[in-house]
Amino acid sequence: MTRYVAAFTVLLIHTGAASAQQVPTELGPFAWGPGMPPPATAEPAQGAPAAGPPAAPPGQPAPAAGSPAPAPSPAPAAPPVGTASSQDYPPGYAPPPGYAPPPGYAAPNGYPPPRTYYGPPPGPPGYGPGPYGYGPGPGYGGRPYYYSHYPLQPPRLRRVTDRPFTIGGGIGFGGLKLANDGGNSTTQSGMAYTARLGFGLRPGLILMWDIEGAIVDRGPSVFSQTAQLAALQIFIGDRLFLKGGFGLAQVNQDAYNYSTWGGALMGGIGIELIQGWDWSLDIESTITAARYTVQGADQTWLNWSLPTFAINFF
């Protein structure tokens, strides 16, 4: 218990000493604020007795009459209003060296300007654009055309009559005619048909296997003649053509179940109405004559087409 009382007593003594250091016994310039002059002492009024030395207490000798009182020390000059000196602040609280109030600031009511606060510390220096700035990438233009040492040649223009291979066929109006050596003849109209398979020898000249035929109805009997020919087709210009050939022909009569073969010749003319890149449509007229020997008598059969519409692919 004695230790606690002694520690408490020491704490009180230190607290009192710290208070005595912080609170001055005499009022100095800091009592009125930094930078404020102390109030001037009032002068005695006129007619009032001058204040002299204090009277001596009873039992002590009075001071000599002629000895003057010690002159009071002159008060330190007050700093101008608006500035604060290091003496106006407690120790350790003086303004930093070179401190000055901000420009254009007027202290209100004669008080010195308040302390200025420092802004945030300056940050690291900003980084400007580097020496190697990254700009937009290069634009992409058209792709280069790569080719070998020998550039590609454009495709060769093909004539419309340049037909390495041809296949086609058609039907139309036609007829059949029979003539004998006695001068008797008979004619009957009917239907004509044609078919061909060709190979181009050169532009405008085609070697063909050509089929020309006609079929007619003569009452109780149906007659037909079909000729298979080796023919040439020659273009005069780009549309008009001539053709001719030779081969074998066969005549048929269904009522008597009769057929025979004979030599044949063919000639024709035509024109192509429509010509595409790989097809054409033409109109043509042909005549084919074949000669037969029937029961020791010679007969000539003619089949024709007028006209026949044919389509060709090449």
Protein backbone atom coordinates (compact mmCIF):
# COMPACT_ATOMS: atom_id res chain seq x y z
CA MET A 1 0.00 0.00 0.00
CA THR A 2 2.87 2.34 0.80
CA ARG A 3 4.25 1.81 -2.73
CA TYR A 4 1.00 2.85 -4.37
CA VAL A 5 0.81 6.04 -2.25
CA ALA A 6 4.40 6.93 -3.12
CA ALA A 7 3.79 6.37 -6.87
CA PHE A 8 0.65 8.49 -6.77
CA THR A 9 2.54 11.28 -4.98
CA VAL A 10 5.30 11.25 -7.61
CA LEU A 11 2.68 11.40 -10.41
CA LEU A 12 1.04 14.43 -8.82
CA ILE A 13 4.40 16.20 -8.51
CA HIS A 14 5.27 15.61 -12.18
CA THR A 15 1.80 16.76 -13.29
CA GLY A 16 2.14 19.97 -11.32
CA ALA A 17 5.58 20.66 -12.75
CA ALA A 18 4.34 20.15 -16.32
CA SER A 19 1.42 22.53 -15.71
CA ALA A 20 3.78 25.16 -14.31
CA GLN A 21 5.92 24.95 -17.44
CA GLN A 22 2.97 25.32 -19.82
CA VAL A 23 1.08 28.09 -17.98
CA PRO A 24 3.35 31.16 -17.58
CA THR A 25 3.13 33.05 -14.36
CA GLU A 26 3.24 36.31 -16.21
CA LEU A 27 1.09 37.16 -19.18
CA GLY A 28 3.27 37.62 -22.22
CA PRO A 29 2.49 38.51 -25.81
CA PHE A 30 1.15 35.01 -26.43
CA ALA A 31 -1.76 35.77 -24.04
CA TRP A 32 -3.33 38.04 -26.67
CA GLY A 33 -2.54 35.79 -29.61
CA PRO A 34 0.42 35.62 -31.96
CA GLY A 35 1.41 38.93 -33.44
CA MET A 36 -0.76 41.07 -31.10
CA PRO A 37 0.97 43.78 -29.04
CA PRO A 38 0.30 43.80 -25.30
CA PRO A 39 -2.07 46.50 -24.05
CA ALA A 40 -0.39 49.77 -23.14
CA THR A 41 -0.30 50.77 -19.46
CA ALA A 42 -2.61 53.60 -18.53
CA GLU A 43 -0.96 56.91 -17.69
CA PRO A 44 -1.98 58.58 -14.46
CA ALA A 45 -4.58 61.26 -14.72
CA GLN A 46 -3.69 64.93 -14.42
CA GLY A 47 -3.57 66.07 -10.80
CA ALA A 48 -3.24 62.63 -9.39
CA PRO A 49 -0.26 62.01 -7.24
CA ALA A 50 2.54 60.21 -8.88
CA ALA A 51 2.99 56.75 -7.79
CA GLY A 52 6.06 56.47 -5.63
CA PRO A 53 7.85 53.72 -4.00
CA PRO A 54 5.79 51.70 -1.67
CA ALA A 55 5.79 52.67 1.98
CA ALA A 56 8.01 50.70 4.21
CA PRO A 57 6.35 48.45 6.65
CA PRO A 58 6.40 49.46 10.24
CA GLY A 59 9.61 48.71 12.00
CA GLN A 60 11.77 49.08 8.86
CA PRO A 61 13.62 52.22 7.74
CA ALA A 62 12.07 54.16 4.87
CA PRO A 63 14.06 54.42 1.65
CA ALA A 64 16.06 57.49 1.01
CA ALA A 65 14.10 60.38 -0.31
CA GLY A 66 16.36 61.31 -3.13
CA SER A 67 16.99 57.87 -4.66
CA PRO A 68 15.09 57.51 -7.90
CA ALA A 69 13.09 54.40 -8.66
CA PRO A 70 14.55 52.04 -11.21
CA ALA A 71 13.30 52.77 -14.69
CA PRO A 72 11.17 50.01 -16.19
CA SER A 73 12.74 48.16 -19.13
CA PRO A 74 11.32 49.12 -22.51
CA ALA A 75 8.78 46.69 -23.96
CA PRO A 76 9.91 44.85 -27.08
CA ALA A 77 8.63 46.22 -30.34
CA ALA A 78 5.56 44.38 -31.59
CA PRO A 79 5.78 42.86 -35.05
CA PRO A 80 3.62 44.39 -37.76
CA VAL A 81 0.07 43.21 -37.99
CA GLY A 82 -0.32 40.25 -40.25
CA THR A 83 3.05 38.64 -39.56
CA ALA A 84 3.97 36.15 -36.92
CA SER A 85 7.38 35.68 -35.45
CA SER A 86 8.83 32.57 -33.92
CA GLN A 87 8.56 34.20 -30.45
CA ASP A 88 4.76 34.23 -30.71
CA TYR A 89 4.58 30.44 -30.81
CA PRO A 90 5.41 27.87 -28.16
CA PRO A 91 8.74 26.10 -28.55
CA GLY A 92 8.66 23.65 -31.44
CA TYR A 93 5.64 25.36 -33.11
CA ALA A 94 7.39 28.10 -35.05
CA PRO A 95 6.41 28.52 -38.72
CA PRO A 96 8.74 26.94 -41.24
CA PRO A 97 11.55 29.06 -42.65
CA GLY A 98 10.48 31.37 -45.42
CA TYR A 99 6.80 31.19 -44.39
CA ALA A 100 4.66 34.05 -45.67
CA PRO A 101 0.89 34.51 -45.81
CA PRO A 102 -0.71 33.81 -49.16
CA PRO A 103 -0.86 36.78 -51.52
CA GLY A 104 -3.99 38.90 -51.32
CA TYR A 105 -4.95 37.64 -47.89
CA ALA A 106 -6.08 40.22 -45.32
CA ALA A 107 -6.17 39.17 -41.70
CA PRO A 108 -9.64 39.81 -40.23
CA ASN A 109 -9.83 42.25 -37.31
CA GLY A 110 -6.09 42.58 -37.14
CA TYR A 111 -5.48 38.90 -36.42
CA PRO A 112 -2.57 37.23 -38.09
CA PRO A 113 -3.37 34.92 -40.96
CA PRO A 114 -4.07 31.33 -39.98
CA ARG A 115 -1.63 28.62 -40.75
CA THR A 116 -1.48 27.44 -44.27
CA TYR A 117 -1.85 23.75 -44.98
CA TYR A 118 0.46 22.00 -47.33
CA GLY A 119 -1.16 20.21 -50.23
CA PRO A 120 -0.58 16.59 -51.06
CA PRO A 121 3.01 15.74 -51.81
CA PRO A 122 3.92 15.89 -55.46
CA GLY A 123 3.43 12.56 -57.21
CA PRO A 124 5.89 10.86 -59.50
CA PRO A 125 6.60 12.67 -62.73
CA GLY A 126 4.10 11.90 -65.45
CA TYR A 127 5.20 9.62 -68.21
CA GLY A 128 4.87 11.20 -71.62
CA PRO A 129 4.77 9.33 -74.88
CA GLY A 130 7.72 7.04 -75.24
CA PRO A 131 10.22 7.37 -78.01
CA TYR A 132 8.55 4.49 -79.82
CA GLY A 133 4.87 5.38 -79.93
CA TYR A 134 2.46 2.76 -81.12
CA GLY A 135 0.37 4.23 -83.89
CA PRO A 136 -2.39 2.53 -85.82
CA GLY A 137 -1.37 -0.57 -87.65
CA PRO A 138 -0.81 -0.47 -91.37
CA GLY A 139 -3.96 -0.78 -93.45
CA TYR A 140 -4.49 -3.88 -95.47
CA GLY A 141 -4.85 -3.22 -99.16
CA GLY A 142 -5.66 -5.65 -101.89
CA ARG A 143 -3.83 -8.93 -101.84
CA PRO A 144 -0.99 -9.13 -104.31
CA TYR A 145 -1.55 -11.28 -107.34
CA TYR A 146 0.99 -14.04 -107.28
CA TYR A 147 1.85 -15.66 -110.55
CA SER A 148 4.64 -17.71 -111.95
CA HIS A 149 7.31 -16.56 -114.32
CA TYR A 150 4.85 -16.82 -117.18
CA PRO A 151 1.58 -15.00 -116.38
CA LEU A 152 -1.67 -16.82 -116.97
CA GLN A 153 -3.16 -16.19 -120.36
CA PRO A 154 -6.84 -15.32 -120.63
CA PRO A 155 -9.01 -18.09 -122.02
CA ARG A 156 -9.05 -18.25 -125.79
CA LEU A 157 -12.12 -16.77 -127.38
CA ARG A 158 -14.16 -19.49 -129.03
CA ARG A 159 -16.10 -18.94 -132.21
CA VAL A 160 -19.73 -19.88 -132.11
CA THR A 161 -19.17 -22.32 -134.94
CA ASP A 162 -16.20 -23.98 -133.20
CA ARG A 163 -17.85 -27.23 -132.06
CA PRO A 164 -15.50 -30.11 -131.25
CA PHE A 165 -18.46 -32.36 -130.43
CA THR A 166 -22.13 -32.07 -131.37
CA ILE A 167 -25.21 -34.11 -130.59
CA GLY A 168 -28.80 -33.20 -131.46
CA GLY A 169 -32.11 -34.07 -133.00
CA GLY A 170 -35.54 -32.73 -133.95
CA ILE A 171 -38.92 -33.27 -135.56
CA GLY A 172 -41.06 -31.38 -138.03
CA PHE A 173 -43.35 -31.57 -141.00
CA GLY A 174 -42.44 -33.74 -143.95
CA GLY A 175 -43.61 -36.39 -146.41
CA LEU A 176 -42.83 -39.35 -148.57
CA LYS A 177 -43.00 -39.77 -152.38
CA LEU A 178 -42.85 -42.96 -154.45
CA ALA A 179 -41.88 -42.93 -158.18
CA ASN A 180 -41.35 -45.93 -160.50
CA ASP A 181 -39.82 -46.38 -163.90
CA GLY A 182 -43.19 -46.27 -165.63
CA GLY A 183 -43.63 -42.63 -164.62
CA ASN A 184 -46.26 -43.29 -161.98
CA SER A 185 -45.80 -41.49 -158.65
CA THR A 186 -47.65 -40.95 -155.42
CA THR A 187 -47.06 -38.44 -152.63
CA GLN A 188 -48.18 -38.45 -149.04
CA SER A 189 -47.46 -35.92 -146.28
CA GLY A 190 -46.54 -36.93 -142.79
CA MET A 191 -43.99 -36.35 -140.09
CA ALA A 192 -40.23 -35.89 -140.49
CA TYR A 193 -37.51 -36.58 -137.94
CA THR A 194 -33.76 -36.14 -137.75
CA ALA A 195 -30.85 -36.98 -135.44
CA ARG A 196 -27.11 -36.33 -135.62
CA LEU A 197 -23.78 -36.96 -133.91
CA GLY A 198 -20.93 -34.78 -135.09
CA PHE A 199 -17.23 -34.05 -134.63
CA GLY A 200 -15.73 -30.69 -135.53
CA LEU A 201 -12.98 -30.81 -138.13
CA ARG A 202 -12.40 -27.08 -137.83
CA PRO A 203 -14.56 -24.07 -136.91
CA GLY A 204 -17.55 -24.08 -139.24
CA LEU A 205 -17.03 -27.64 -140.56
CA ILE A 206 -18.61 -30.67 -138.87
CA LEU A 207 -18.43 -34.32 -139.88
CA MET A 208 -21.67 -36.03 -138.83
CA TRP A 209 -23.45 -39.29 -138.67
CA ASP A 210 -26.86 -38.08 -139.77
CA ILE A 211 -30.25 -39.80 -139.66
CA GLU A 212 -33.07 -38.44 -141.88
CA GLY A 213 -36.50 -40.03 -142.09
CA ALA A 214 -40.20 -39.56 -142.71
CA ILE A 215 -43.32 -41.57 -141.88
CA VAL A 216 -46.74 -41.36 -143.64
CA ASP A 217 -50.09 -43.03 -143.20
CA ARG A 218 -51.81 -44.24 -146.39
CA GLY A 219 -55.08 -45.75 -145.26
CA PRO A 220 -54.58 -49.43 -144.39
CA SER A 221 -50.76 -49.18 -144.60
CA VAL A 222 -48.05 -47.09 -142.95
CA PHE A 223 -44.95 -46.33 -144.99
CA SER A 224 -41.67 -45.00 -143.69
CA GLN A 225 -38.16 -44.42 -144.90
CA THR A 226 -35.07 -43.90 -142.74
CA ALA A 227 -31.65 -42.97 -144.12
CA GLN A 228 -28.41 -43.26 -142.23
CA LEU A 229 -25.78 -41.05 -143.78
CA ALA A 230 -22.24 -39.80 -143.49
CA ALA A 231 -22.61 -36.05 -143.93
CA LEU A 232 -20.74 -32.79 -143.78
CA GLN A 233 -22.24 -29.58 -142.36
CA ILE A 234 -20.63 -26.35 -143.54
CA PHE A 235 -21.42 -22.95 -142.00
CA ILE A 236 -21.69 -19.97 -144.30
CA GLY A 237 -21.19 -17.21 -141.80
CA ASP A 238 -22.16 -17.83 -138.20
CA ARG A 239 -25.80 -18.98 -138.68
CA LEU A 240 -26.54 -20.23 -142.18
CA PHE A 241 -25.35 -23.73 -143.00
CA LEU A 242 -25.51 -26.32 -145.80
CA LYS A 243 -25.22 -30.06 -145.40
CA GLY A 244 -25.06 -33.10 -147.60
CA GLY A 245 -24.15 -36.78 -147.41
CA PHE A 246 -24.59 -40.30 -148.65
CA GLY A 247 -25.38 -43.67 -147.12
CA LEU A 248 -28.03 -46.33 -146.96
CA ALA A 249 -31.80 -46.04 -146.63
CA GLN A 250 -34.49 -48.52 -145.68
CA VAL A 251 -38.15 -48.45 -146.67
CA ASN A 252 -40.83 -50.18 -144.63
CA GLN A 253 -44.49 -51.11 -145.29
CA ASP A 254 -46.19 -52.53 -142.23
CA ALA A 255 -49.21 -54.07 -144.06
CA TYR A 256 -47.03 -56.45 -146.02
CA ASN A 257 -44.18 -56.71 -143.53
CA TYR A 258 -41.88 -55.57 -146.22
CA SER A 259 -38.52 -53.79 -145.98
CA THR A 260 -35.56 -53.33 -148.29
CA TRP A 261 -32.28 -51.39 -148.36
CA GLY A 262 -30.88 -49.12 -151.01
CA GLY A 263 -28.32 -46.43 -151.58
CA ALA A 264 -29.26 -42.85 -150.57
CA LEU A 265 -28.20 -39.29 -151.08
CA MET A 266 -29.13 -36.30 -148.91
CA GLY A 267 -28.93 -32.50 -149.19
CA GLY A 268 -30.24 -29.74 -146.97
CA ILE A 269 -30.12 -26.12 -145.83
CA GLY A 270 -30.76 -24.52 -142.46
CA ILE A 271 -30.26 -21.53 -140.19
CA GLU A 272 -29.64 -21.34 -136.46
CA LEU A 273 -32.21 -19.11 -134.77
CA ILE A 274 -30.72 -19.15 -131.24
CA GLN A 275 -27.06 -19.64 -130.39
CA GLY A 276 -25.98 -20.12 -126.77
CA TRP A 277 -22.63 -20.85 -125.27
CA ASP A 278 -23.09 -24.61 -125.55
CA TRP A 279 -26.39 -25.09 -127.40
CA SER A 280 -28.33 -23.86 -130.42
CA LEU A 281 -31.78 -24.09 -131.99
CA ASP A 282 -32.06 -24.29 -135.76
CA ILE A 283 -34.69 -24.68 -138.46
CA GLU A 284 -33.81 -26.75 -141.53
CA SER A 285 -35.16 -28.46 -144.61
CA THR A 286 -33.73 -31.63 -146.15
CA ILE A 287 -34.52 -34.07 -148.94
CA THR A 288 -33.25 -37.65 -149.11
CA ALA A 289 -33.54 -39.95 -152.17
CA ALA A 290 -33.07 -43.70 -152.08
CA ARG A 291 -33.32 -46.22 -154.96
CA TYR A 292 -34.57 -49.77 -154.53
CA THR A 293 -35.10 -52.82 -156.78
CA VAL A 294 -38.45 -54.47 -156.00
CA GLN A 295 -39.48 -57.60 -157.92
CA GLY A 296 -37.18 -56.77 -160.79
CA ALA A 297 -38.40 -53.16 -161.06
CA ASP A 298 -36.56 -50.08 -159.86
CA GLN A 299 -38.31 -47.66 -157.49
CA THR A 300 -37.22 -44.31 -156.12
CA TRP A 301 -38.40 -43.12 -152.71
CA LEU A 302 -38.02 -39.55 -151.53
CA ASN A 303 -38.51 -38.30 -148.01
CA TRP A 304 -38.32 -34.60 -147.15
CA SER A 305 -38.67 -32.28 -144.18
CA LEU A 306 -40.17 -28.82 -144.45
CA PRO A 307 -39.36 -27.55 -141.91
CA THR A 308 -37.77 -29.42 -139.05
CA PHE A 309 -36.86 -27.81 -135.71
CA ALA A 310 -33.73 -29.27 -134.17
CA ILE A 311 -31.77 -28.55 -131.00
CA ASN A 312 -28.04 -29.12 -130.81
CA PHE A 313 -25.67 -29.44 -127.86
CA PHE A 314 -21.94 -28.92 -128.25
